[in-house]
Amino acid sequence: RERIIAEAKLLLRNTDWSIADIAYSLGFDYPAYFNNFFKKQTGMTPR
């Protein structure tokens, strides 16, 4: 979980990919699942 979050933060800050593209690349079937996962772990939304 922590390694996925670390990679998610890097992708969010250092690429121009959409949040949906990042979600799929990190193995989430739906962007909403990624949004909920990220917010639960970090206290903020991917956006």
ModelCIF file with pLDDT and N, C-alpha, C, O atoms, coordinates in Angstrom:
data_MODEL
#
_entry.id   MODEL 
#
_entity.id                         1 
_entity.type                       polymer 
_entity.pdbx_number_of_molecules   1 
#
_entity_poly.entity_id                      1 
_entity_poly.type                           'polypeptide(L)' 
_entity_poly.nstd_linkage                   no 
_entity_poly.nstd_monomer                   no 
_entity_poly.pdbx_seq_one_letter_code       RERIIAEAKLLLRNTDWSIADIAYSLGFDYPAYFNNFFKKQTGMTPR 
_entity_poly.pdbx_seq_one_letter_code_can   RERIIAEAKLLLRNTDWSIADIAYSLGFDYPAYFNNFFKKQTGMTPR 
_entity_poly.pdbx_strand_id                 A 
#
loop_
_entity_poly_seq.entity_id 
_entity_poly_seq.num 
_entity_poly_seq.mon_id 
_entity_poly_seq.hetero 
1 1  ARG n 
1 2  GLU n 
1 3  ARG n 
1 4  ILE n 
1 5  ILE n 
1 6  ALA n 
1 7  GLU n 
1 8  ALA n 
1 9  LYS n 
1 10 LEU n 
1 11 LEU n 
1 12 LEU n 
1 13 ARG n 
1 14 ASN n 
1 15 THR n 
1 16 ASP n 
1 17 TRP n 
1 18 SER n 
1 19 ILE n 
1 20 ALA n 
1 21 ASP n 
1 22 ILE n 
1 23 ALA n 
1 24 TYR n 
1 25 SER n 
1 26 LEU n 
1 27 GLY n 
1 28 PHE n 
1 29 ASP n 
1 30 TYR n 
1 31 PRO n 
1 32 ALA n 
1 33 TYR n 
1 34 PHE n 
1 35 ASN n 
1 36 ASN n 
1 37 PHE n 
1 38 PHE n 
1 39 LYS n 
1 40 LYS n 
1 41 GLN n 
1 42 THR n 
1 43 GLY n 
1 44 MET n 
1 45 THR n 
1 46 PRO n 
1 47 ARG n 
#
_struct_asym.id          A 
_struct_asym.entity_id   1 
#
loop_
_ma_qa_metric.id 
_ma_qa_metric.mode 
_ma_qa_metric.name 
_ma_qa_metric.software_group_id 
_ma_qa_metric.type 
1 global pLDDT . pLDDT 
2 local  pLDDT . pLDDT 
#
_ma_qa_metric_global.metric_id      1 
_ma_qa_metric_global.metric_value   92.32 
_ma_qa_metric_global.model_id       1 
_ma_qa_metric_global.ordinal_id     1 
#
loop_
_ma_qa_metric_local.label_asym_id 
_ma_qa_metric_local.label_comp_id 
_ma_qa_metric_local.label_seq_id 
_ma_qa_metric_local.metric_id 
_ma_qa_metric_local.metric_value 
_ma_qa_metric_local.model_id 
_ma_qa_metric_local.ordinal_id 
A ARG 1  2 93.00 1 1  
A GLU 2  2 88.00 1 2  
A ARG 3  2 89.00 1 3  
A ILE 4  2 93.00 1 4  
A ILE 5  2 91.00 1 5  
A ALA 6  2 85.00 1 6  
A GLU 7  2 88.00 1 7  
A ALA 8  2 91.00 1 8  
A LYS 9  2 87.00 1 9  
A LEU 10 2 83.00 1 10 
A LEU 11 2 90.00 1 11 
A LEU 12 2 91.00 1 12 
A ARG 13 2 83.00 1 13 
A ASN 14 2 82.00 1 14 
A THR 15 2 88.00 1 15 
A ASP 16 2 91.00 1 16 
A TRP 17 2 94.00 1 17 
A SER 18 2 94.00 1 18 
A ILE 19 2 95.00 1 19 
A ALA 20 2 95.00 1 20 
A ASP 21 2 95.00 1 21 
A ILE 22 2 95.00 1 22 
A ALA 23 2 95.00 1 23 
A TYR 24 2 95.00 1 24 
A SER 25 2 95.00 1 25 
A LEU 26 2 95.00 1 26 
A GLY 27 2 93.00 1 27 
A PHE 28 2 95.00 1 28 
A ASP 29 2 93.00 1 29 
A TYR 30 2 95.00 1 30 
A PRO 31 2 94.00 1 31 
A ALA 32 2 96.00 1 32 
A TYR 33 2 96.00 1 33 
A PHE 34 2 96.00 1 34 
A ASN 35 2 96.00 1 35 
A ASN 36 2 96.00 1 36 
A PHE 37 2 96.00 1 37 
A PHE 38 2 95.00 1 38 
A LYS 39 2 94.00 1 39 
A LYS 40 2 94.00 1 40 
A GLN 41 2 92.00 1 41 
A THR 42 2 91.00 1 42 
A GLY 43 2 93.00 1 43 
A MET 44 2 93.00 1 44 
A THR 45 2 94.00 1 45 
A PRO 46 2 94.00 1 46 
A ARG 47 2 92.00 1 47 
#
loop_
_atom_site.group_PDB 
_atom_site.id 
_atom_site.type_symbol 
_atom_site.label_atom_id 
_atom_site.label_alt_id 
_atom_site.label_comp_id 
_atom_site.label_asym_id 
_atom_site.label_entity_id 
_atom_site.label_seq_id 
_atom_site.pdbx_PDB_ins_code 
_atom_site.Cartn_x 
_atom_site.Cartn_y 
_atom_site.Cartn_z 
_atom_site.occupancy 
_atom_site.B_iso_or_equiv 
_atom_site.pdbx_formal_charge 
_atom_site.auth_seq_id 
_atom_site.auth_comp_id 
_atom_site.auth_asym_id 
_atom_site.auth_atom_id 
_atom_site.pdbx_PDB_model_num 
ATOM 1   N N  . ARG A 1 1  ? 0.827   -1.208 0.000   1.00 93.00 ? 1  ARG A N  1 
ATOM 2   C CA . ARG A 1 1  ? 0.000   0.000  0.000   1.00 93.00 ? 1  ARG A CA 1 
ATOM 3   C C  . ARG A 1 1  ? 0.863   1.261  0.000   1.00 93.00 ? 1  ARG A C  1 
ATOM 4   O O  . ARG A 1 1  ? 0.601   2.194  -0.760  1.00 93.00 ? 1  ARG A O  1 
ATOM 5   N N  . GLU A 1 2  ? 1.891   1.292  0.851   1.00 88.00 ? 2  GLU A N  1 
ATOM 6   C CA . GLU A 1 2  ? 2.739   2.474  0.941   1.00 88.00 ? 2  GLU A CA 1 
ATOM 7   C C  . GLU A 1 2  ? 3.531   2.700  -0.352  1.00 88.00 ? 2  GLU A C  1 
ATOM 8   O O  . GLU A 1 2  ? 3.757   3.838  -0.763  1.00 88.00 ? 2  GLU A O  1 
ATOM 9   N N  . ARG A 1 3  ? 3.947   1.603  -0.981  1.00 89.00 ? 3  ARG A N  1 
ATOM 10  C CA . ARG A 1 3  ? 4.718   1.762  -2.228  1.00 89.00 ? 3  ARG A CA 1 
ATOM 11  C C  . ARG A 1 3  ? 3.828   2.259  -3.353  1.00 89.00 ? 3  ARG A C  1 
ATOM 12  O O  . ARG A 1 3  ? 4.267   3.057  -4.181  1.00 89.00 ? 3  ARG A O  1 
ATOM 13  N N  . ILE A 1 4  ? 2.577   1.797  -3.394  1.00 93.00 ? 4  ILE A N  1 
ATOM 14  C CA . ILE A 1 4  ? 1.642   2.283  -4.411  1.00 93.00 ? 4  ILE A CA 1 
ATOM 15  C C  . ILE A 1 4  ? 1.357   3.769  -4.206  1.00 93.00 ? 4  ILE A C  1 
ATOM 16  O O  . ILE A 1 4  ? 1.303   4.535  -5.169  1.00 93.00 ? 4  ILE A O  1 
ATOM 17  N N  . ILE A 1 5  ? 1.177   4.171  -2.958  1.00 91.00 ? 5  ILE A N  1 
ATOM 18  C CA . ILE A 1 5  ? 0.935   5.584  -2.653  1.00 91.00 ? 5  ILE A CA 1 
ATOM 19  C C  . ILE A 1 5  ? 2.130   6.437  -3.057  1.00 91.00 ? 5  ILE A C  1 
ATOM 20  O O  . ILE A 1 5  ? 1.958   7.510  -3.635  1.00 91.00 ? 5  ILE A O  1 
ATOM 21  N N  . ALA A 1 6  ? 3.347   5.967  -2.757  1.00 85.00 ? 6  ALA A N  1 
ATOM 22  C CA . ALA A 1 6  ? 4.556   6.721  -3.130  1.00 85.00 ? 6  ALA A CA 1 
ATOM 23  C C  . ALA A 1 6  ? 4.623   6.914  -4.636  1.00 85.00 ? 6  ALA A C  1 
ATOM 24  O O  . ALA A 1 6  ? 4.940   8.004  -5.113  1.00 85.00 ? 6  ALA A O  1 
ATOM 25  N N  . GLU A 1 7  ? 4.322   5.848  -5.394  1.00 88.00 ? 7  GLU A N  1 
ATOM 26  C CA . GLU A 1 7  ? 4.354   5.947  -6.853  1.00 88.00 ? 7  GLU A CA 1 
ATOM 27  C C  . GLU A 1 7  ? 3.232   6.845  -7.358  1.00 88.00 ? 7  GLU A C  1 
ATOM 28  O O  . GLU A 1 7  ? 3.425   7.615  -8.299  1.00 88.00 ? 7  GLU A O  1 
ATOM 29  N N  . ALA A 1 8  ? 2.067   6.749  -6.737  1.00 91.00 ? 8  ALA A N  1 
ATOM 30  C CA . ALA A 1 8  ? 0.935   7.586  -7.138  1.00 91.00 ? 8  ALA A CA 1 
ATOM 31  C C  . ALA A 1 8  ? 1.278   9.067  -6.984  1.00 91.00 ? 8  ALA A C  1 
ATOM 32  O O  . ALA A 1 8  ? 0.961   9.870  -7.862  1.00 91.00 ? 8  ALA A O  1 
ATOM 33  N N  . LYS A 1 9  ? 1.920   9.430  -5.880  1.00 87.00 ? 9  LYS A N  1 
ATOM 34  C CA . LYS A 1 9  ? 2.290   10.833 -5.659  1.00 87.00 ? 9  LYS A CA 1 
ATOM 35  C C  . LYS A 1 9  ? 3.272   11.312 -6.721  1.00 87.00 ? 9  LYS A C  1 
ATOM 36  O O  . LYS A 1 9  ? 3.162   12.434 -7.215  1.00 87.00 ? 9  LYS A O  1 
ATOM 37  N N  . LEU A 1 10 ? 4.230   10.460 -7.070  1.00 83.00 ? 10 LEU A N  1 
ATOM 38  C CA . LEU A 1 10 ? 5.201   10.835 -8.099  1.00 83.00 ? 10 LEU A CA 1 
ATOM 39  C C  . LEU A 1 10 ? 4.530   11.031 -9.454  1.00 83.00 ? 10 LEU A C  1 
ATOM 40  O O  . LEU A 1 10 ? 4.837   11.981 -10.174 1.00 83.00 ? 10 LEU A O  1 
ATOM 41  N N  . LEU A 1 11 ? 3.618   10.134 -9.793  1.00 90.00 ? 11 LEU A N  1 
ATOM 42  C CA . LEU A 1 11 ? 2.917   10.240 -11.071 1.00 90.00 ? 11 LEU A CA 1 
ATOM 43  C C  . LEU A 1 11 ? 2.015   11.471 -11.112 1.00 90.00 ? 11 LEU A C  1 
ATOM 44  O O  . LEU A 1 11 ? 1.923   12.150 -12.134 1.00 90.00 ? 11 LEU A O  1 
ATOM 45  N N  . LEU A 1 12 ? 1.353   11.750 -9.994  1.00 91.00 ? 12 LEU A N  1 
ATOM 46  C CA . LEU A 1 12 ? 0.449   12.897 -9.941  1.00 91.00 ? 12 LEU A CA 1 
ATOM 47  C C  . LEU A 1 12 ? 1.217   14.218 -10.098 1.00 91.00 ? 12 LEU A C  1 
ATOM 48  O O  . LEU A 1 12 ? 0.740   15.145 -10.753 1.00 91.00 ? 12 LEU A O  1 
ATOM 49  N N  . ARG A 1 13 ? 2.397   14.293 -9.498  1.00 83.00 ? 13 ARG A N  1 
ATOM 50  C CA . ARG A 1 13 ? 3.135   15.555 -9.484  1.00 83.00 ? 13 ARG A CA 1 
ATOM 51  C C  . ARG A 1 13 ? 4.049   15.736 -10.688 1.00 83.00 ? 13 ARG A C  1 
ATOM 52  O O  . ARG A 1 13 ? 4.326   16.863 -11.099 1.00 83.00 ? 13 ARG A O  1 
ATOM 53  N N  . ASN A 1 14 ? 4.519   14.623 -11.255 1.00 82.00 ? 14 ASN A N  1 
ATOM 54  C CA . ASN A 1 14 ? 5.588   14.729 -12.243 1.00 82.00 ? 14 ASN A CA 1 
ATOM 55  C C  . ASN A 1 14 ? 5.205   14.307 -13.655 1.00 82.00 ? 14 ASN A C  1 
ATOM 56  O O  . ASN A 1 14 ? 6.069   14.255 -14.531 1.00 82.00 ? 14 ASN A O  1 
ATOM 57  N N  . THR A 1 15 ? 3.929   14.004 -13.898 1.00 88.00 ? 15 THR A N  1 
ATOM 58  C CA . THR A 1 15 ? 3.476   13.692 -15.247 1.00 88.00 ? 15 THR A CA 1 
ATOM 59  C C  . THR A 1 15 ? 2.213   14.498 -15.552 1.00 88.00 ? 15 THR A C  1 
ATOM 60  O O  . THR A 1 15 ? 1.594   15.081 -14.662 1.00 88.00 ? 15 THR A O  1 
ATOM 61  N N  . ASP A 1 16 ? 1.854   14.513 -16.823 1.00 91.00 ? 16 ASP A N  1 
ATOM 62  C CA . ASP A 1 16 ? 0.614   15.185 -17.218 1.00 91.00 ? 16 ASP A CA 1 
ATOM 63  C C  . ASP A 1 16 ? -0.502  14.170 -17.449 1.00 91.00 ? 16 ASP A C  1 
ATOM 64  O O  . ASP A 1 16 ? -1.494  14.486 -18.106 1.00 91.00 ? 16 ASP A O  1 
ATOM 65  N N  . TRP A 1 17 ? -0.353  12.944 -16.914 1.00 94.00 ? 17 TRP A N  1 
ATOM 66  C CA . TRP A 1 17 ? -1.372  11.923 -17.081 1.00 94.00 ? 17 TRP A CA 1 
ATOM 67  C C  . TRP A 1 17 ? -2.643  12.314 -16.339 1.00 94.00 ? 17 TRP A C  1 
ATOM 68  O O  . TRP A 1 17 ? -2.601  13.022 -15.333 1.00 94.00 ? 17 TRP A O  1 
ATOM 69  N N  . SER A 1 18 ? -3.747  11.852 -16.844 1.00 94.00 ? 18 SER A N  1 
ATOM 70  C CA . SER A 1 18 ? -5.010  12.062 -16.140 1.00 94.00 ? 18 SER A CA 1 
ATOM 71  C C  . SER A 1 18 ? -5.050  11.164 -14.907 1.00 94.00 ? 18 SER A C  1 
ATOM 72  O O  . SER A 1 18 ? -4.313  10.182 -14.823 1.00 94.00 ? 18 SER A O  1 
ATOM 73  N N  . ILE A 1 19 ? -5.899  11.499 -13.967 1.00 95.00 ? 19 ILE A N  1 
ATOM 74  C CA . ILE A 1 19 ? -6.048  10.688 -12.756 1.00 95.00 ? 19 ILE A CA 1 
ATOM 75  C C  . ILE A 1 19 ? -6.547  9.292  -13.121 1.00 95.00 ? 19 ILE A C  1 
ATOM 76  O O  . ILE A 1 19 ? -6.159  8.310  -12.489 1.00 95.00 ? 19 ILE A O  1 
ATOM 77  N N  . ALA A 1 20 ? -7.400  9.202  -14.129 1.00 95.00 ? 20 ALA A N  1 
ATOM 78  C CA . ALA A 1 20 ? -7.894  7.895  -14.580 1.00 95.00 ? 20 ALA A CA 1 
ATOM 79  C C  . ALA A 1 20 ? -6.756  7.042  -15.119 1.00 95.00 ? 20 ALA A C  1 
ATOM 80  O O  . ALA A 1 20 ? -6.675  5.852  -14.814 1.00 95.00 ? 20 ALA A O  1 
ATOM 81  N N  . ASP A 1 21 ? -5.866  7.645  -15.925 1.00 95.00 ? 21 ASP A N  1 
ATOM 82  C CA . ASP A 1 21 ? -4.729  6.897  -16.468 1.00 95.00 ? 21 ASP A CA 1 
ATOM 83  C C  . ASP A 1 21 ? -3.829  6.387  -15.351 1.00 95.00 ? 21 ASP A C  1 
ATOM 84  O O  . ASP A 1 21 ? -3.348  5.255  -15.406 1.00 95.00 ? 21 ASP A O  1 
ATOM 85  N N  . ILE A 1 22 ? -3.602  7.213  -14.346 1.00 95.00 ? 22 ILE A N  1 
ATOM 86  C CA . ILE A 1 22 ? -2.770  6.806  -13.211 1.00 95.00 ? 22 ILE A CA 1 
ATOM 87  C C  . ILE A 1 22 ? -3.441  5.669  -12.453 1.00 95.00 ? 22 ILE A C  1 
ATOM 88  O O  . ILE A 1 22 ? -2.782  4.711  -12.049 1.00 95.00 ? 22 ILE A O  1 
ATOM 89  N N  . ALA A 1 23 ? -4.729  5.774  -12.264 1.00 95.00 ? 23 ALA A N  1 
ATOM 90  C CA . ALA A 1 23 ? -5.475  4.727  -11.549 1.00 95.00 ? 23 ALA A CA 1 
ATOM 91  C C  . ALA A 1 23 ? -5.338  3.384  -12.254 1.00 95.00 ? 23 ALA A C  1 
ATOM 92  O O  . ALA A 1 23 ? -5.060  2.372  -11.611 1.00 95.00 ? 23 ALA A O  1 
ATOM 93  N N  . TYR A 1 24 ? -5.531  3.367  -13.559 1.00 95.00 ? 24 TYR A N  1 
ATOM 94  C CA . TYR A 1 24 ? -5.437  2.112  -14.313 1.00 95.00 ? 24 TYR A CA 1 
ATOM 95  C C  . TYR A 1 24 ? -4.015  1.552  -14.267 1.00 95.00 ? 24 TYR A C  1 
ATOM 96  O O  . TYR A 1 24 ? -3.829  0.343  -14.131 1.00 95.00 ? 24 TYR A O  1 
ATOM 97  N N  . SER A 1 25 ? -3.016  2.424  -14.380 1.00 95.00 ? 25 SER A N  1 
ATOM 98  C CA . SER A 1 25 ? -1.631  1.970  -14.359 1.00 95.00 ? 25 SER A CA 1 
ATOM 99  C C  . SER A 1 25 ? -1.262  1.339  -13.022 1.00 95.00 ? 25 SER A C  1 
ATOM 100 O O  . SER A 1 25 ? -0.428  0.436  -12.967 1.00 95.00 ? 25 SER A O  1 
ATOM 101 N N  . LEU A 1 26 ? -1.878  1.812  -11.953 1.00 95.00 ? 26 LEU A N  1 
ATOM 102 C CA . LEU A 1 26 ? -1.584  1.290  -10.623 1.00 95.00 ? 26 LEU A CA 1 
ATOM 103 C C  . LEU A 1 26 ? -2.469  0.105  -10.251 1.00 95.00 ? 26 LEU A C  1 
ATOM 104 O O  . LEU A 1 26 ? -2.463  -0.348 -9.106  1.00 95.00 ? 26 LEU A O  1 
ATOM 105 N N  . GLY A 1 27 ? -3.231  -0.394 -11.224 1.00 93.00 ? 27 GLY A N  1 
ATOM 106 C CA . GLY A 1 27 ? -3.968  -1.622 -11.007 1.00 93.00 ? 27 GLY A CA 1 
ATOM 107 C C  . GLY A 1 27 ? -5.384  -1.477 -10.498 1.00 93.00 ? 27 GLY A C  1 
ATOM 108 O O  . GLY A 1 27 ? -5.991  -2.467 -10.090 1.00 93.00 ? 27 GLY A O  1 
ATOM 109 N N  . PHE A 1 28 ? -5.932  -0.269 -10.509 1.00 95.00 ? 28 PHE A N  1 
ATOM 110 C CA . PHE A 1 28 ? -7.309  -0.050 -10.056 1.00 95.00 ? 28 PHE A CA 1 
ATOM 111 C C  . PHE A 1 28 ? -8.261  -0.192 -11.240 1.00 95.00 ? 28 PHE A C  1 
ATOM 112 O O  . PHE A 1 28 ? -8.032  0.378  -12.307 1.00 95.00 ? 28 PHE A O  1 
ATOM 113 N N  . ASP A 1 29 ? -9.315  -0.947 -11.042 1.00 93.00 ? 29 ASP A N  1 
ATOM 114 C CA . ASP A 1 29 ? -10.276 -1.177 -12.122 1.00 93.00 ? 29 ASP A CA 1 
ATOM 115 C C  . ASP A 1 29 ? -11.072 0.077  -12.472 1.00 93.00 ? 29 ASP A C  1 
ATOM 116 O O  . ASP A 1 29 ? -11.463 0.279  -13.622 1.00 93.00 ? 29 ASP A O  1 
ATOM 117 N N  . TYR A 1 30 ? -11.303 0.912  -11.469 1.00 95.00 ? 30 TYR A N  1 
ATOM 118 C CA . TYR A 1 30 ? -12.085 2.132  -11.683 1.00 95.00 ? 30 TYR A CA 1 
ATOM 119 C C  . TYR A 1 30 ? -11.395 3.304  -10.991 1.00 95.00 ? 30 TYR A C  1 
ATOM 120 O O  . TYR A 1 30 ? -10.858 3.140  -9.896  1.00 95.00 ? 30 TYR A O  1 
ATOM 121 N N  . PRO A 1 31 ? -11.402 4.493  -11.617 1.00 94.00 ? 31 PRO A N  1 
ATOM 122 C CA . PRO A 1 31 ? -10.796 5.670  -10.988 1.00 94.00 ? 31 PRO A CA 1 
ATOM 123 C C  . PRO A 1 31 ? -11.380 5.977  -9.609  1.00 94.00 ? 31 PRO A C  1 
ATOM 124 O O  . PRO A 1 31 ? -10.669 6.463  -8.730  1.00 94.00 ? 31 PRO A O  1 
ATOM 125 N N  . ALA A 1 32 ? -12.652 5.700  -9.418  1.00 96.00 ? 32 ALA A N  1 
ATOM 126 C CA . ALA A 1 32 ? -13.281 5.975  -8.121  1.00 96.00 ? 32 ALA A CA 1 
ATOM 127 C C  . ALA A 1 32 ? -12.635 5.154  -7.009  1.00 96.00 ? 32 ALA A C  1 
ATOM 128 O O  . ALA A 1 32 ? -12.487 5.634  -5.885  1.00 96.00 ? 32 ALA A O  1 
ATOM 129 N N  . TYR A 1 33 ? -12.243 3.893  -7.330  1.00 96.00 ? 33 TYR A N  1 
ATOM 130 C CA . TYR A 1 33 ? -11.565 3.064  -6.332  1.00 96.00 ? 33 TYR A CA 1 
ATOM 131 C C  . TYR A 1 33 ? -10.225 3.698  -5.943  1.00 96.00 ? 33 TYR A C  1 
ATOM 132 O O  . TYR A 1 33 ? -9.853  3.722  -4.769  1.00 96.00 ? 33 TYR A O  1 
ATOM 133 N N  . PHE A 1 34 ? -9.517  4.205  -6.940  1.00 96.00 ? 34 PHE A N  1 
ATOM 134 C CA . PHE A 1 34 ? -8.237  4.852  -6.679  1.00 96.00 ? 34 PHE A CA 1 
ATOM 135 C C  . PHE A 1 34 ? -8.439  6.117  -5.852  1.00 96.00 ? 34 PHE A C  1 
ATOM 136 O O  . PHE A 1 34 ? -7.687  6.362  -4.909  1.00 96.00 ? 34 PHE A O  1 
ATOM 137 N N  . ASN A 1 35 ? -9.438  6.917  -6.188  1.00 96.00 ? 35 ASN A N  1 
ATOM 138 C CA . ASN A 1 35 ? -9.714  8.130  -5.424  1.00 96.00 ? 35 ASN A CA 1 
ATOM 139 C C  . ASN A 1 35 ? -9.960  7.824  -3.960  1.00 96.00 ? 35 ASN A C  1 
ATOM 140 O O  . ASN A 1 35 ? -9.418  8.489  -3.078  1.00 96.00 ? 35 ASN A O  1 
ATOM 141 N N  . ASN A 1 36 ? -10.790 6.801  -3.700  1.00 96.00 ? 36 ASN A N  1 
ATOM 142 C CA . ASN A 1 36 ? -11.110 6.434  -2.316  1.00 96.00 ? 36 ASN A CA 1 
ATOM 143 C C  . ASN A 1 36 ? -9.877  5.909  -1.582  1.00 96.00 ? 36 ASN A C  1 
ATOM 144 O O  . ASN A 1 36 ? -9.646  6.247  -0.421  1.00 96.00 ? 36 ASN A O  1 
ATOM 145 N N  . PHE A 1 37 ? -9.086  5.079  -2.268  1.00 96.00 ? 37 PHE A N  1 
ATOM 146 C CA . PHE A 1 37 ? -7.866  4.516  -1.685  1.00 96.00 ? 37 PHE A CA 1 
ATOM 147 C C  . PHE A 1 37 ? -6.882  5.621  -1.343  1.00 96.00 ? 37 PHE A C  1 
ATOM 148 O O  . PHE A 1 37 ? -6.336  5.646  -0.240  1.00 96.00 ? 37 PHE A O  1 
ATOM 149 N N  . PHE A 1 38 ? -6.651  6.528  -2.271  1.00 95.00 ? 38 PHE A N  1 
ATOM 150 C CA . PHE A 1 38 ? -5.677  7.600  -2.082  1.00 95.00 ? 38 PHE A CA 1 
ATOM 151 C C  . PHE A 1 38 ? -6.107  8.534  -0.946  1.00 95.00 ? 38 PHE A C  1 
ATOM 152 O O  . PHE A 1 38 ? -5.288  8.928  -0.116  1.00 95.00 ? 38 PHE A O  1 
ATOM 153 N N  . LYS A 1 39 ? -7.370  8.876  -0.915  1.00 94.00 ? 39 LYS A N  1 
ATOM 154 C CA . LYS A 1 39 ? -7.848  9.789  0.127   1.00 94.00 ? 39 LYS A CA 1 
ATOM 155 C C  . LYS A 1 39 ? -7.773  9.132  1.505   1.00 94.00 ? 39 LYS A C  1 
ATOM 156 O O  . LYS A 1 39 ? -7.449  9.793  2.491   1.00 94.00 ? 39 LYS A O  1 
ATOM 157 N N  . LYS A 1 40 ? -8.068  7.847  1.574   1.00 94.00 ? 40 LYS A N  1 
ATOM 158 C CA . LYS A 1 40 ? -8.001  7.138  2.853   1.00 94.00 ? 40 LYS A CA 1 
ATOM 159 C C  . LYS A 1 40 ? -6.578  7.097  3.387   1.00 94.00 ? 40 LYS A C  1 
ATOM 160 O O  . LYS A 1 40 ? -6.364  7.210  4.594   1.00 94.00 ? 40 LYS A O  1 
ATOM 161 N N  . GLN A 1 41 ? -5.602  6.935  2.496   1.00 92.00 ? 41 GLN A N  1 
ATOM 162 C CA . GLN A 1 41 ? -4.208  6.800  2.916   1.00 92.00 ? 41 GLN A CA 1 
ATOM 163 C C  . GLN A 1 41 ? -3.524  8.141  3.166   1.00 92.00 ? 41 GLN A C  1 
ATOM 164 O O  . GLN A 1 41 ? -2.631  8.223  4.010   1.00 92.00 ? 41 GLN A O  1 
ATOM 165 N N  . THR A 1 42 ? -3.919  9.186  2.456   1.00 91.00 ? 42 THR A N  1 
ATOM 166 C CA . THR A 1 42 ? -3.203  10.460 2.537   1.00 91.00 ? 42 THR A CA 1 
ATOM 167 C C  . THR A 1 42 ? -4.011  11.605 3.136   1.00 91.00 ? 42 THR A C  1 
ATOM 168 O O  . THR A 1 42 ? -3.449  12.619 3.551   1.00 91.00 ? 42 THR A O  1 
ATOM 169 N N  . GLY A 1 43 ? -5.330  11.441 3.179   1.00 93.00 ? 43 GLY A N  1 
ATOM 170 C CA . GLY A 1 43 ? -6.164  12.524 3.691   1.00 93.00 ? 43 GLY A CA 1 
ATOM 171 C C  . GLY A 1 43 ? -6.486  13.586 2.662   1.00 93.00 ? 43 GLY A C  1 
ATOM 172 O O  . GLY A 1 43 ? -7.133  14.583 2.983   1.00 93.00 ? 43 GLY A O  1 
ATOM 173 N N  . MET A 1 44 ? -6.034  13.383 1.402   1.00 93.00 ? 44 MET A N  1 
ATOM 174 C CA . MET A 1 44 ? -6.359  14.322 0.335   1.00 93.00 ? 44 MET A CA 1 
ATOM 175 C C  . MET A 1 44 ? -6.753  13.567 -0.920  1.00 93.00 ? 44 MET A C  1 
ATOM 176 O O  . MET A 1 44 ? -6.458  12.380 -1.059  1.00 93.00 ? 44 MET A O  1 
ATOM 177 N N  . THR A 1 45 ? -7.410  14.248 -1.818  1.00 94.00 ? 45 THR A N  1 
ATOM 178 C CA . THR A 1 45 ? -7.805  13.622 -3.079  1.00 94.00 ? 45 THR A CA 1 
ATOM 179 C C  . THR A 1 45 ? -6.620  13.611 -4.037  1.00 94.00 ? 45 THR A C  1 
ATOM 180 O O  . THR A 1 45 ? -5.694  14.408 -3.888  1.00 94.00 ? 45 THR A O  1 
ATOM 181 N N  . PRO A 1 46 ? -6.643  12.713 -5.021  1.00 94.00 ? 46 PRO A N  1 
ATOM 182 C CA . PRO A 1 46 ? -5.578  12.749 -6.037  1.00 94.00 ? 46 PRO A CA 1 
ATOM 183 C C  . PRO A 1 46 ? -5.474  14.102 -6.739  1.00 94.00 ? 46 PRO A C  1 
ATOM 184 O O  . PRO A 1 46 ? -4.378  14.569 -7.048  1.00 94.00 ? 46 PRO A O  1 
ATOM 185 N N  . ARG A 1 47 ? -6.624  14.722 -6.986  1.00 92.00 ? 47 ARG A N  1 
ATOM 186 C CA . ARG A 1 47 ? -6.598  16.026 -7.669  1.00 92.00 ? 47 ARG A CA 1 
ATOM 187 C C  . ARG A 1 47 ? -5.880  17.067 -6.827  1.00 92.00 ? 47 ARG A C  1 
ATOM 188 O O  . ARG A 1 47 ? -5.761  18.220 -7.241  1.00 92.00 ? 47 ARG A O  1 
#
